[in-house]
């Protein structure tokens, strides 16, 4: 026979979702047969699962009928099994009994997986404790039709107090569209007064689904608002329907998107290695232009550190706390690059996400957009990017509505764009708009004085990482490293040092014998290319004979030109058998 909670599972699932949205934790509801009736987050895909092998806290609550709070799971455990669970990912759990007529019929568990969720619960513990108790009562009361409406009214009253704790807009409306309750955030977003009579004439889905939130247009008292959120319908046994709408304004939603999609890795100028005059000059230029919004074009061979300089420009700017969004134009197929950059609206093309997608250009709004390998961008996208660069606005695929963006654009390439323009492979008008502030990063072979400094830095870095004790670097090794041309630049040098530190074994001195095979072979080839002095002398006299001739007068002139005696010249001509060529 199905449990009492199983018989009202649809409603229980809705309650779990509402609790999770308001309190910002994962929620699971388990019945007295240890079956998961409802769950959110990690538990959403495990509804109807038997948790008898894992639900030790729920078992305790079912037996005692009392709430259990575990503030440090895996440490403050309730059973030996939990104590042994060393890989526990939970940071907090609160399990509350659902009772009916003195019997425990289920358990509501709030589970936190990070310290932020845990802090939110502890800061508001007393109110949330009451709230969960009321929800537990509400669930149990649903099995008895006579008590259902009273319990739901109590829960809504408590919800009115609870929703004020969160930073998202929450409104509760009845089936006729009359708003019964709204929190402070909702009032600010919708520009309405608290406790005022508000009529909703509709929730219309208009755009993207971003991280599970739909883009809506709300018509409130004749005024239209665009927000991102979700609607949850709660139906009472008497047929009454309530809508709980949880939402954010578009700008706050973008901020949340940026937190997830943009990088937080800060690369300051002092993190970029190099004492060469060329590098010092580039660093000075970066400091000079960092706080402007002018577009920057960084050129240089692969591995020279173009992205490091792009990140340092962002970090040195006044917008360092804003997003830095990077996209590699050569790493994404042409068919996907446009949608990645510009995004698209619902139904823009077949195969797209049914609810649309925000593009990287919009995500970068307020910060920096880094376009790496810009030379690999298809021509048709270059035309669209030109409009972004020139007017700072973007149009999603399938839309004709321009969206303003406040971004700084930094582009980078290892290609010669001017040659590509001549070959009609790159747009000249885009090049000149990108090349406002040009920065060229010199290859490592042109600043070999930096090699020894970099080697010492990388050796310390990898010795610490791999727990190796390296006390010296052979001078012959540095000499060979300086002779090598480093086609892969700083990236190749760093990889080379990482390789040597890996294979050094128990030795404490890095030697030339530890070099990767391809570098050793190249150095041997360079050595074999050296000519003897005799061969150089022979070729030089041979060239002179071709130029002056073989007559006695010509040989006298050759001797003067070479600053040697005539007899010496004749002797060398005989030695190298150059009497005739």
Protein backbone atom coordinates (compact mmCIF):
# COMPACT_ATOMS: atom_id res chain seq x y z
CA UNK A 1 0.00 0.00 0.00
CA UNK A 2 1.34 3.42 -0.95
CA UNK A 3 2.34 5.77 1.86
CA UNK A 4 0.30 8.86 2.71
CA UNK A 5 2.90 11.15 1.16
CA UNK A 6 3.02 9.06 -2.02
CA UNK A 7 -0.69 9.68 -2.53
CA UNK A 8 -0.09 13.45 -2.69
CA UNK A 9 3.34 13.29 -4.37
CA UNK A 10 2.56 15.90 -7.06
CA UNK A 11 1.83 18.55 -4.43
CA UNK A 12 4.80 17.50 -2.29
CA UNK A 13 7.13 17.99 -5.27
CA UNK A 14 5.78 21.52 -5.75
CA UNK A 15 6.37 22.32 -2.07
CA UNK A 16 9.96 21.08 -2.32
CA UNK A 17 10.59 23.34 -5.33
CA UNK A 18 9.17 26.39 -3.58
CA UNK A 19 11.21 25.72 -0.41
CA UNK A 20 14.38 25.28 -2.48
CA UNK A 21 13.81 28.47 -4.45
CA UNK A 22 13.19 30.54 -1.32
CA UNK A 23 15.85 29.11 1.01
CA UNK A 24 18.45 28.39 -1.73
CA UNK A 25 19.30 24.85 -0.66
CA UNK A 26 18.66 21.37 -2.00
CA UNK A 27 15.52 19.80 -0.51
CA UNK A 28 14.45 16.17 -0.24
CA UNK A 29 11.23 14.78 1.24
CA UNK A 30 11.21 11.12 2.32
CA UNK A 31 8.21 9.06 3.47
CA UNK A 32 7.99 6.56 6.34
CA UNK A 33 9.03 3.74 3.98
CA UNK A 34 12.30 5.57 3.19
CA UNK A 35 11.22 6.37 -0.37
CA UNK A 36 12.26 9.78 -1.73
CA UNK A 37 8.92 11.39 -2.63
CA UNK A 38 10.34 14.75 -3.79
CA UNK A 39 13.73 16.31 -4.37
CA UNK A 40 15.47 19.31 -5.92
CA UNK A 41 18.98 19.90 -7.22
CA UNK A 42 21.07 16.75 -6.85
CA UNK A 43 18.02 14.82 -5.70
CA UNK A 44 15.68 15.81 -8.56
CA UNK A 45 16.75 12.86 -10.70
CA UNK A 46 16.43 10.39 -7.81
CA UNK A 47 12.74 10.76 -6.95
CA UNK A 48 11.07 7.42 -6.02
CA UNK A 49 14.46 5.97 -5.03
CA UNK A 50 14.77 3.86 -1.87
CA UNK A 51 17.20 5.60 0.51
CA UNK A 52 17.35 2.92 3.19
CA UNK A 53 21.08 2.42 2.49
CA UNK A 54 21.94 6.11 2.82
CA UNK A 55 19.24 7.86 4.84
CA UNK A 56 20.62 7.39 8.35
CA UNK A 57 19.51 10.87 9.49
CA UNK A 58 16.01 10.34 8.08
CA UNK A 59 15.77 6.99 9.89
CA UNK A 60 16.61 8.69 13.18
CA UNK A 61 13.96 11.36 12.61
CA UNK A 62 11.35 8.75 11.64
CA UNK A 63 12.06 6.84 14.86
CA UNK A 64 12.21 9.84 17.21
CA UNK A 65 9.85 12.28 15.53
CA UNK A 66 12.36 15.02 16.42
CA UNK A 67 14.32 17.42 14.27
CA UNK A 68 18.00 16.63 13.71
CA UNK A 69 20.52 19.32 12.71
CA UNK A 70 23.99 18.27 11.55
CA UNK A 71 26.20 21.34 11.20
CA UNK A 72 29.33 19.47 10.07
CA UNK A 73 28.36 16.28 8.19
CA UNK A 74 31.10 13.66 8.23
CA UNK A 75 32.40 15.06 11.55
CA UNK A 76 29.38 15.69 13.79
CA UNK A 77 27.77 12.50 12.49
CA UNK A 78 24.71 10.73 13.86
CA UNK A 79 25.98 7.19 13.22
CA UNK A 80 29.19 5.25 12.66
CA UNK A 81 28.44 5.01 8.93
CA UNK A 82 28.55 8.82 8.65
CA UNK A 83 31.76 9.01 10.67
CA UNK A 84 33.43 6.70 8.16
CA UNK A 85 32.14 8.76 5.21
CA UNK A 86 35.29 10.81 4.65
CA UNK A 87 34.28 12.13 1.19
CA UNK A 88 31.06 13.79 2.42
CA UNK A 89 30.27 16.85 0.24
CA UNK A 90 27.53 18.22 2.53
CA UNK A 91 28.18 21.24 4.76
CA UNK A 92 24.88 21.25 6.67
CA UNK A 93 21.69 19.21 7.00
CA UNK A 94 18.46 19.92 8.84
CA UNK A 95 15.88 17.11 8.91
CA UNK A 96 12.35 17.87 10.17
CA UNK A 97 9.61 15.33 10.86
CA UNK A 98 6.27 15.41 9.05
CA UNK A 99 3.69 14.17 11.54
CA UNK A 100 0.01 13.31 11.41
CA UNK A 101 -2.03 12.44 14.51
CA UNK A 102 1.08 11.71 16.56
CA UNK A 103 2.76 9.49 13.95
CA UNK A 104 5.76 10.47 11.81
CA UNK A 105 4.83 10.02 8.15
CA UNK A 106 7.88 11.59 6.52
CA UNK A 107 10.94 13.84 6.74
CA UNK A 108 11.84 17.18 5.09
CA UNK A 109 15.61 17.61 4.77
CA UNK A 110 17.40 20.84 3.86
CA UNK A 111 20.89 19.97 2.57
CA UNK A 112 23.66 22.52 1.96
CA UNK A 113 26.68 21.83 -0.25
CA UNK A 114 28.58 25.10 0.29
CA UNK A 115 29.31 27.53 3.11
CA UNK A 116 27.19 30.33 1.57
CA UNK A 117 24.02 28.20 1.75
CA UNK A 118 24.88 27.15 5.30
CA UNK A 119 25.41 30.76 6.42
CA UNK A 120 22.07 31.82 4.92
CA UNK A 121 20.25 29.17 6.99
CA UNK A 122 22.14 29.86 10.22
CA UNK A 123 21.59 33.64 9.88
CA UNK A 124 17.84 33.12 9.60
CA UNK A 125 17.58 29.87 11.52
CA UNK A 126 14.72 30.64 13.89
CA UNK A 127 12.42 31.94 11.17
CA UNK A 128 13.34 29.18 8.75
CA UNK A 129 12.88 26.58 11.50
CA UNK A 130 9.31 27.82 11.98
CA UNK A 131 8.77 27.97 8.22
CA UNK A 132 9.83 24.36 7.66
CA UNK A 133 7.65 23.23 10.55
CA UNK A 134 4.68 24.96 8.94
CA UNK A 135 5.45 23.39 5.56
CA UNK A 136 5.68 20.00 7.26
CA UNK A 137 2.31 20.65 8.83
CA UNK A 138 0.97 21.79 5.47
CA UNK A 139 2.03 18.54 3.82
CA UNK A 140 0.52 16.38 6.52
CA UNK A 141 -2.67 18.44 6.53
CA UNK A 142 -3.16 17.87 2.83
CA UNK A 143 -4.16 14.29 3.58
CA UNK A 144 -7.14 15.61 5.51
CA UNK A 145 -9.37 17.78 3.38
CA UNK A 146 -10.96 19.61 6.35
CA UNK A 147 -7.61 21.01 7.59
CA UNK A 148 -5.99 21.74 4.21
CA UNK A 149 -7.17 25.31 3.58
CA UNK A 150 -6.34 26.47 7.11
CA UNK A 151 -2.83 25.07 6.93
CA UNK A 152 -2.15 26.60 3.51
CA UNK A 153 -3.28 30.01 4.71
CA UNK A 154 -0.84 29.71 7.64
CA UNK A 155 1.94 28.72 5.26
CA UNK A 156 1.21 31.69 2.98
CA UNK A 157 1.28 34.03 5.99
CA UNK A 158 4.63 32.61 7.00
CA UNK A 159 5.80 32.79 3.39
CA UNK A 160 5.01 36.51 3.41
CA UNK A 161 7.59 36.94 6.19
CA UNK A 162 10.12 34.49 4.74
CA UNK A 163 10.28 35.89 1.22
CA UNK A 164 11.56 39.17 2.58
CA UNK A 165 14.83 37.42 3.43
CA UNK A 166 15.90 36.76 -0.14
CA UNK A 167 17.29 39.04 -2.85
CA UNK A 168 14.88 37.88 -5.56
CA UNK A 169 11.47 39.25 -6.36
CA UNK A 170 8.60 37.09 -5.10
CA UNK A 171 4.90 37.70 -5.71
CA UNK A 172 1.97 35.48 -4.81
CA UNK A 173 -1.18 35.91 -6.88
CA UNK A 174 -4.52 34.15 -6.92
CA UNK A 175 -6.07 32.59 -9.99
CA UNK A 176 -7.73 35.88 -10.98
CA UNK A 177 -4.37 37.65 -11.20
CA UNK A 178 -4.73 39.62 -7.97
CA UNK A 179 -1.39 39.91 -6.19
CA UNK A 180 -1.82 38.90 -2.56
CA UNK A 181 1.76 39.33 -1.37
CA UNK A 182 5.02 40.79 -2.72
CA UNK A 183 8.43 41.17 -1.11
CA UNK A 184 10.64 44.27 -1.04
CA UNK A 185 12.75 43.17 -4.01
CA UNK A 186 9.66 42.61 -6.14
CA UNK A 187 8.33 46.04 -5.20
CA UNK A 188 11.61 47.67 -6.25
CA UNK A 189 11.87 45.77 -9.55
CA UNK A 190 8.25 46.41 -10.51
CA UNK A 191 8.16 49.93 -9.04
CA UNK A 192 5.09 49.26 -6.90
CA UNK A 193 4.19 50.15 -3.34
CA UNK A 194 4.02 47.52 -0.63
CA UNK A 195 0.54 46.21 0.19
CA UNK A 196 -0.93 48.07 -2.78
CA UNK A 197 -3.64 46.43 -4.86
CA UNK A 198 -1.99 45.04 -7.96
CA UNK A 199 -3.58 43.34 -10.92
CA UNK A 200 -1.57 41.06 -13.19
CA UNK A 201 -3.03 40.81 -16.67
CA UNK A 202 -0.63 38.09 -17.77
CA UNK A 203 2.74 36.33 -17.68
CA UNK A 204 4.01 36.12 -21.26
CA UNK A 205 7.17 34.14 -22.11
CA UNK A 206 9.12 36.28 -24.60
CA UNK A 207 12.73 35.17 -24.75
CA UNK A 208 15.60 33.12 -23.48
CA UNK A 209 15.77 30.46 -20.85
CA UNK A 210 18.90 31.23 -18.84
CA UNK A 211 19.92 28.70 -16.18
CA UNK A 212 16.38 27.45 -15.86
CA UNK A 213 14.72 30.88 -15.79
CA UNK A 214 12.32 32.08 -18.46
CA UNK A 215 12.24 35.65 -19.75
CA UNK A 216 8.79 37.12 -19.08
CA UNK A 217 6.82 40.22 -19.78
CA UNK A 218 4.53 41.16 -16.88
CA UNK A 219 1.71 43.60 -17.36
CA UNK A 220 0.99 45.23 -14.01
CA UNK A 221 -1.64 47.92 -13.77
CA UNK A 222 -1.19 48.65 -17.46
CA UNK A 223 2.63 48.87 -17.32
CA UNK A 224 4.91 46.24 -18.92
CA UNK A 225 8.01 44.89 -17.16
CA UNK A 226 10.63 42.43 -18.47
CA UNK A 227 11.97 39.97 -15.88
CA UNK A 228 13.57 36.50 -15.68
CA UNK A 229 12.08 33.88 -13.40
CA UNK A 230 9.77 30.93 -12.83
CA UNK A 231 6.11 30.45 -11.97
CA UNK A 232 4.96 27.73 -9.57
CA UNK A 233 1.27 26.84 -9.39
CA UNK A 234 -0.19 25.55 -6.12
CA UNK A 235 -3.73 24.11 -6.33
CA UNK A 236 -5.84 23.65 -3.22
CA UNK A 237 -8.27 20.81 -2.72
CA UNK A 238 -11.21 23.21 -3.06
CA UNK A 239 -9.99 24.14 -6.53
CA UNK A 240 -8.38 27.48 -5.65
CA UNK A 241 -5.16 28.16 -7.57
CA UNK A 242 -2.25 30.32 -6.42
CA UNK A 243 0.73 31.42 -8.53
CA UNK A 244 4.09 31.93 -6.83
CA UNK A 245 6.41 33.90 -9.14
CA UNK A 246 10.12 34.18 -8.27
CA UNK A 247 12.13 36.49 -10.54
CA UNK A 248 15.04 38.88 -11.12
CA UNK A 249 15.36 41.97 -13.26
CA UNK A 250 17.41 41.50 -16.48
CA UNK A 251 20.50 43.31 -15.19
CA UNK A 252 20.72 41.20 -12.03
CA UNK A 253 20.24 38.09 -14.15
CA UNK A 254 23.14 39.16 -16.38
CA UNK A 255 25.31 39.61 -13.30
CA UNK A 256 24.56 36.04 -12.23
CA UNK A 257 25.38 34.79 -15.75
CA UNK A 258 28.69 36.67 -15.65
CA UNK A 259 29.62 35.14 -12.32
CA UNK A 260 29.33 31.69 -13.88
CA UNK A 261 30.62 32.25 -17.43
CA UNK A 262 33.36 34.86 -17.06
CA UNK A 263 36.83 34.13 -15.75
CA UNK A 264 38.07 35.38 -12.40
CA UNK A 265 41.75 34.63 -13.11
CA UNK A 266 43.62 37.89 -12.60
CA UNK A 267 46.94 38.35 -14.38
CA UNK A 268 48.68 41.52 -13.24
CA UNK A 269 51.65 42.94 -15.13
CA UNK A 270 54.08 41.83 -12.44
CA UNK A 271 53.04 38.24 -13.16
CA UNK A 272 54.33 38.51 -16.74
CA UNK A 273 57.95 37.38 -16.88
CA UNK A 274 60.56 39.37 -18.76
CA UNK A 275 63.26 41.97 -18.12
CA UNK A 276 64.02 42.68 -21.77
CA UNK A 277 63.65 46.30 -22.82
CA UNK A 278 60.95 45.35 -25.35
CA UNK A 279 58.81 43.73 -22.64
CA UNK A 280 59.33 46.65 -20.25
CA UNK A 281 58.20 49.01 -23.00
CA UNK A 282 55.02 46.96 -23.60
CA UNK A 283 54.24 46.99 -19.89
CA UNK A 284 54.55 50.77 -19.83
CA UNK A 285 52.15 51.00 -22.78
CA UNK A 286 49.66 48.71 -21.00
CA UNK A 287 49.68 50.96 -17.92
CA UNK A 288 49.18 54.02 -20.11
CA UNK A 289 46.17 52.69 -22.05
CA UNK A 290 44.58 50.35 -19.48
CA UNK A 291 41.87 52.69 -18.22
CA UNK A 292 40.67 53.87 -21.61
CA UNK A 293 37.97 51.98 -23.52
CA UNK A 294 39.92 52.01 -26.79
CA UNK A 295 40.10 48.79 -28.75
CA UNK A 296 43.44 46.93 -28.58
CA UNK A 297 44.98 44.56 -31.15
CA UNK A 298 47.70 42.28 -29.78
CA UNK A 299 49.91 40.53 -32.32
CA UNK A 300 52.68 38.01 -31.87
CA UNK A 301 53.64 34.42 -32.53
CA UNK A 302 51.91 31.54 -30.81
CA UNK A 303 53.11 31.10 -27.25
CA UNK A 304 54.36 34.66 -26.69
CA UNK A 305 51.69 35.42 -24.07
CA UNK A 306 49.12 37.48 -25.93
CA UNK A 307 46.27 36.44 -23.63
CA UNK A 308 48.37 37.23 -20.55
CA UNK A 309 48.79 40.79 -21.77
CA UNK A 310 45.06 41.00 -22.60
CA UNK A 311 44.21 39.93 -19.04
CA UNK A 312 46.73 42.37 -17.59
CA UNK A 313 45.12 45.25 -19.53
CA UNK A 314 41.80 44.27 -17.93
CA UNK A 315 43.30 43.96 -14.44
CA UNK A 316 45.07 47.33 -14.70
CA UNK A 317 41.84 49.04 -15.82
CA UNK A 318 39.08 50.65 -13.78
CA UNK A 319 36.84 47.71 -14.74
CA UNK A 320 39.01 44.99 -13.20
CA UNK A 321 36.09 43.75 -11.05
CA UNK A 322 33.86 43.41 -14.13
CA UNK A 323 33.81 40.28 -16.32
CA UNK A 324 36.68 39.28 -18.59
CA UNK A 325 35.10 37.04 -21.24
CA UNK A 326 37.44 35.21 -23.61
CA UNK A 327 36.50 33.36 -26.78
CA UNK A 328 38.90 31.59 -29.14
CA UNK A 329 37.71 32.20 -32.70
CA UNK A 330 39.72 29.26 -34.07
CA UNK A 331 38.59 26.72 -31.46
CA UNK A 332 34.86 26.93 -32.22
CA UNK A 333 33.39 25.65 -35.52
CA UNK A 334 32.17 28.40 -37.88
CA UNK A 335 28.61 27.11 -37.57
CA UNK A 336 28.64 27.63 -33.79
CA UNK A 337 30.84 30.73 -33.47
CA UNK A 338 28.09 33.16 -34.48
CA UNK A 339 25.63 31.87 -31.87
CA UNK A 340 28.37 31.77 -29.21
CA UNK A 341 29.22 35.42 -29.83
CA UNK A 342 25.85 36.95 -30.57
CA UNK A 343 23.39 34.54 -28.93
CA UNK A 344 19.97 33.80 -30.40
CA UNK A 345 16.29 34.14 -29.62
CA UNK A 346 13.75 31.36 -29.25
CA UNK A 347 13.15 29.54 -32.55
CA UNK A 348 16.02 31.28 -34.37
CA UNK A 349 17.08 28.12 -36.21
CA UNK A 350 16.50 24.38 -36.16
CA UNK A 351 18.58 22.49 -33.62
CA UNK A 352 18.90 25.50 -31.31
CA UNK A 353 17.85 25.46 -27.68
CA UNK A 354 14.08 25.97 -27.70
CA UNK A 355 14.28 28.94 -25.33
CA UNK A 356 17.20 30.83 -26.89
CA UNK A 357 20.65 31.69 -25.55
CA UNK A 358 22.58 34.77 -24.45
CA UNK A 359 25.83 35.43 -26.37
CA UNK A 360 29.33 36.06 -25.02
CA UNK A 361 29.24 39.68 -26.18
CA UNK A 362 26.27 40.37 -23.90
CA UNK A 363 27.87 38.42 -21.06
CA UNK A 364 30.88 40.76 -21.29
CA UNK A 365 28.68 43.86 -20.88
CA UNK A 366 30.39 46.23 -18.46
CA UNK A 367 33.77 44.51 -18.83
CA UNK A 368 36.21 43.17 -21.42
CA UNK A 369 35.62 40.92 -24.43
CA UNK A 370 38.79 39.12 -25.57
CA UNK A 371 38.68 37.75 -29.12
CA UNK A 372 41.64 35.40 -29.49
CA UNK A 373 42.80 34.27 -32.95
CA UNK A 374 40.68 36.98 -34.60
CA UNK A 375 42.34 36.18 -37.95
CA UNK A 376 40.40 32.90 -38.06
CA UNK A 377 37.00 34.57 -37.85
CA UNK A 378 34.91 33.97 -41.02
CA UNK A 379 34.35 37.00 -43.25
CA UNK A 380 30.58 37.05 -42.77
CA UNK A 381 31.04 37.29 -38.99
CA UNK A 382 33.63 40.01 -39.39
CA UNK A 383 30.89 42.19 -40.88
CA UNK A 384 28.65 41.60 -37.85
CA UNK A 385 31.53 42.18 -35.43
CA UNK A 386 32.29 45.46 -37.19
CA UNK A 387 28.92 46.80 -36.05
CA UNK A 388 29.63 45.74 -32.47
CA UNK A 389 33.01 47.49 -32.53
CA UNK A 390 31.63 50.64 -34.14
CA UNK A 391 28.28 51.08 -32.39
CA UNK A 392 28.68 48.92 -29.25
CA UNK A 393 25.45 47.08 -29.91
CA UNK A 394 24.59 43.47 -30.71
CA UNK A 395 21.67 41.69 -32.33
CA UNK A 396 20.86 38.12 -31.34
CA UNK A 397 20.29 35.65 -34.16
CA UNK A 398 16.67 35.73 -35.22
CA UNK A 399 16.11 39.20 -33.75
CA UNK A 400 16.18 42.70 -35.23
CA UNK A 401 16.26 44.38 -31.83
CA UNK A 402 19.71 45.87 -31.08
CA UNK A 403 21.01 45.49 -27.51
CA UNK A 404 23.47 48.10 -26.25
CA UNK A 405 26.66 46.78 -24.65
CA UNK A 406 29.36 48.65 -22.75
CA UNK A 407 32.47 46.61 -23.47
CA UNK A 408 36.14 47.00 -24.18
CA UNK A 409 37.30 44.81 -27.06
CA UNK A 410 40.77 43.28 -27.12
CA UNK A 411 41.65 41.13 -30.14
CA UNK A 412 44.73 38.97 -30.69
CA UNK A 413 46.24 37.08 -33.59
CA UNK A 414 49.44 35.32 -34.65
CA UNK A 415 48.70 36.08 -38.30
CA UNK A 416 49.67 39.03 -40.50
CA UNK A 417 46.28 40.70 -40.90
CA UNK A 418 47.55 43.23 -43.42
CA UNK A 419 48.65 40.40 -45.73
CA UNK A 420 45.27 38.76 -45.18
CA UNK A 421 43.58 42.04 -46.19
CA UNK A 422 45.57 42.03 -49.43
CA UNK A 423 44.47 38.43 -50.01
CA UNK A 424 40.85 39.45 -49.24
CA UNK A 425 40.79 37.05 -46.28
CA UNK A 426 40.24 39.78 -43.68
CA UNK A 427 38.20 42.98 -43.77
CA UNK A 428 40.28 46.14 -43.89
CA UNK A 429 37.59 48.25 -42.18
CA UNK A 430 37.48 45.83 -39.23
CA UNK A 431 41.29 45.77 -38.99
CA UNK A 432 41.54 49.55 -38.72
CA UNK A 433 38.83 49.67 -36.04
CA UNK A 434 40.56 46.94 -34.04
CA UNK A 435 44.06 48.36 -34.49
CA UNK A 436 43.49 51.52 -32.46
CA UNK A 437 46.11 50.51 -29.88
CA UNK A 438 48.52 48.00 -31.47
CA UNK A 439 50.71 45.87 -29.23
CA UNK A 440 53.26 43.46 -30.72
CA UNK A 441 54.76 40.81 -28.45
CA UNK A 442 58.31 39.90 -29.60
CA UNK A 443 59.22 36.21 -29.95
CA UNK A 444 61.50 34.65 -27.36
CA UNK A 445 64.36 34.27 -29.88
CA UNK A 446 64.53 38.08 -30.06
CA UNK A 447 64.89 38.50 -26.31
CA UNK A 448 67.18 35.65 -25.31
CA UNK A 449 68.47 37.50 -22.27
CA UNK A 450 65.11 36.64 -20.66
CA UNK A 451 65.68 32.89 -21.08
CA UNK A 452 67.91 32.34 -18.04
CA UNK A 453 65.63 34.41 -15.80
CA UNK A 454 62.55 32.49 -17.00
CA UNK A 455 64.26 29.11 -16.59
CA UNK A 456 65.08 29.84 -12.94
CA UNK A 457 61.50 30.98 -12.33
CA UNK A 458 59.93 27.91 -13.95
CA UNK A 459 62.36 25.55 -12.18
CA UNK A 460 61.31 26.92 -8.79
CA UNK A 461 57.64 26.70 -9.76
CA UNK A 462 57.78 23.06 -10.89
CA UNK A 463 60.21 21.94 -8.20
CA UNK A 464 57.72 23.15 -5.61
CA UNK A 465 54.81 21.59 -7.50
CA UNK A 466 56.50 18.18 -7.91
CA UNK A 467 58.27 18.24 -4.49
CA UNK A 468 61.76 18.12 -6.07
CA UNK A 469 64.91 19.59 -4.50
CA UNK A 470 66.84 21.28 -7.30
CA UNK A 471 69.84 23.29 -6.14
CA UNK A 472 71.69 24.12 -9.37
CA UNK A 473 71.34 24.57 -13.13
CA UNK A 474 74.28 23.60 -15.36
CA UNK A 475 75.75 26.57 -17.27
CA UNK A 476 76.04 24.46 -20.44
CA UNK A 477 72.28 23.88 -20.26
CA UNK A 478 71.60 27.63 -20.22
CA UNK A 479 73.99 28.06 -23.16
CA UNK A 480 72.15 25.45 -25.22
CA UNK A 481 68.76 26.91 -24.30
CA UNK A 482 69.91 30.32 -25.53
CA UNK A 483 71.08 28.83 -28.84
CA UNK A 484 67.71 27.20 -29.52
CA UNK A 485 65.23 29.30 -31.54
CA UNK A 486 62.07 28.45 -29.50
CA UNK A 487 59.44 28.34 -32.23
CA UNK A 488 56.85 27.73 -29.48
CA UNK A 489 58.16 30.74 -27.53
CA UNK A 490 57.56 31.07 -23.77
CA UNK A 491 54.99 28.27 -23.78
CA UNK A 492 57.57 25.86 -25.27
CA UNK A 493 60.26 26.96 -22.80
CA UNK A 494 57.90 26.42 -19.87
CA UNK A 495 56.97 22.96 -21.17
CA UNK A 496 60.68 22.15 -21.60
CA UNK A 497 61.45 23.05 -17.97
CA UNK A 498 58.42 21.10 -16.74
CA UNK A 499 59.70 18.05 -18.65
CA UNK A 500 63.21 18.30 -17.18
CA UNK A 501 61.95 18.69 -13.61
CA UNK A 502 59.73 15.64 -14.15
CA UNK A 503 62.57 13.39 -15.34
CA UNK A 504 65.40 14.62 -13.10
CA UNK A 505 64.89 11.78 -10.63
CA UNK A 506 66.87 12.13 -7.38
CA UNK A 507 69.51 14.42 -8.89
CA UNK A 508 69.67 18.02 -7.71
CA UNK A 509 71.25 19.66 -10.75
CA UNK A 510 69.55 20.28 -14.08
CA UNK A 511 71.88 19.30 -16.93
CA UNK A 512 71.76 19.47 -20.72
CA UNK A 513 71.28 15.68 -20.82
CA UNK A 514 67.77 16.20 -19.44
CA UNK A 515 66.65 18.26 -22.45
CA UNK A 516 63.75 16.85 -24.51
CA UNK A 517 64.95 14.83 -27.51
CA UNK A 518 63.72 17.27 -30.15
CA UNK A 519 65.75 20.13 -28.62
CA UNK A 520 68.88 17.99 -28.28
CA UNK A 521 68.59 16.87 -31.91
CA UNK A 522 68.15 20.46 -33.09
CA UNK A 523 71.23 21.59 -31.18
CA UNK A 524 73.27 18.76 -32.73
CA UNK A 525 72.09 19.79 -36.17
CA UNK A 526 73.17 23.36 -35.49
CA UNK A 527 76.62 22.17 -34.39
CA UNK A 528 77.00 20.02 -37.51
CA UNK A 529 76.27 23.06 -39.64
CA UNK A 530 79.42 24.84 -38.39
CA UNK A 531 82.16 25.06 -41.04
CA UNK A 532 85.89 24.79 -40.43
CA UNK A 533 88.04 27.89 -40.93
CA UNK A 534 89.81 26.13 -43.80
CA UNK A 535 86.56 25.55 -45.67
CA UNK A 536 85.57 29.16 -45.14
CA UNK A 537 88.99 30.31 -46.42
CA UNK A 538 88.72 28.07 -49.48
CA UNK A 539 85.27 29.40 -50.37
CA UNK A 540 86.44 32.98 -49.89
CA UNK A 541 89.46 32.59 -52.25
CA UNK A 542 87.28 30.71 -54.74
CA UNK A 543 84.80 33.61 -54.76
CA UNK A 544 87.64 36.12 -55.26
CA UNK A 545 89.02 34.17 -58.24
CA UNK A 546 85.60 34.17 -59.84
CA UNK A 547 85.36 37.90 -59.34
CA UNK A 548 88.90 38.99 -60.35
CA UNK A 549 90.06 36.19 -62.68
CA UNK A 550 93.22 34.01 -62.99
CA UNK A 551 95.74 36.34 -64.58
CA UNK A 552 98.88 37.40 -62.76
CA UNK A 553 97.48 40.93 -62.43
CA UNK A 554 94.20 39.55 -61.07
CA UNK A 555 96.00 37.46 -58.46
CA UNK A 556 98.04 40.50 -57.38
CA UNK A 557 94.76 42.41 -56.87
CA UNK A 558 93.26 39.47 -54.95
CA UNK A 559 96.25 39.38 -52.58
CA UNK A 560 95.85 43.11 -51.91
CA UNK A 561 92.10 42.74 -51.31
CA UNK A 562 92.63 39.81 -48.93
CA UNK A 563 95.53 41.59 -47.20
CA UNK A 564 97.90 38.64 -47.70
CA UNK A 565 101.13 38.18 -49.60
CA UNK A 566 101.09 37.08 -53.26
CA UNK A 567 103.19 34.01 -52.39
CA UNK A 568 100.73 33.09 -49.65
CA UNK A 569 97.87 33.38 -52.13
CA UNK A 570 99.62 31.10 -54.65
CA UNK A 571 100.32 28.56 -51.92
CA UNK A 572 96.69 28.48 -50.82
CA UNK A 573 95.44 28.23 -54.42
CA UNK A 574 97.61 25.15 -54.81
CA UNK A 575 96.56 23.75 -51.41
CA UNK A 576 92.86 23.98 -52.24
CA UNK A 577 93.38 22.94 -55.89
CA UNK A 578 91.83 26.16 -57.21
CA UNK A 579 94.01 26.63 -60.30
CA UNK A 580 90.89 25.98 -62.35
CA UNK A 581 87.25 26.01 -61.31
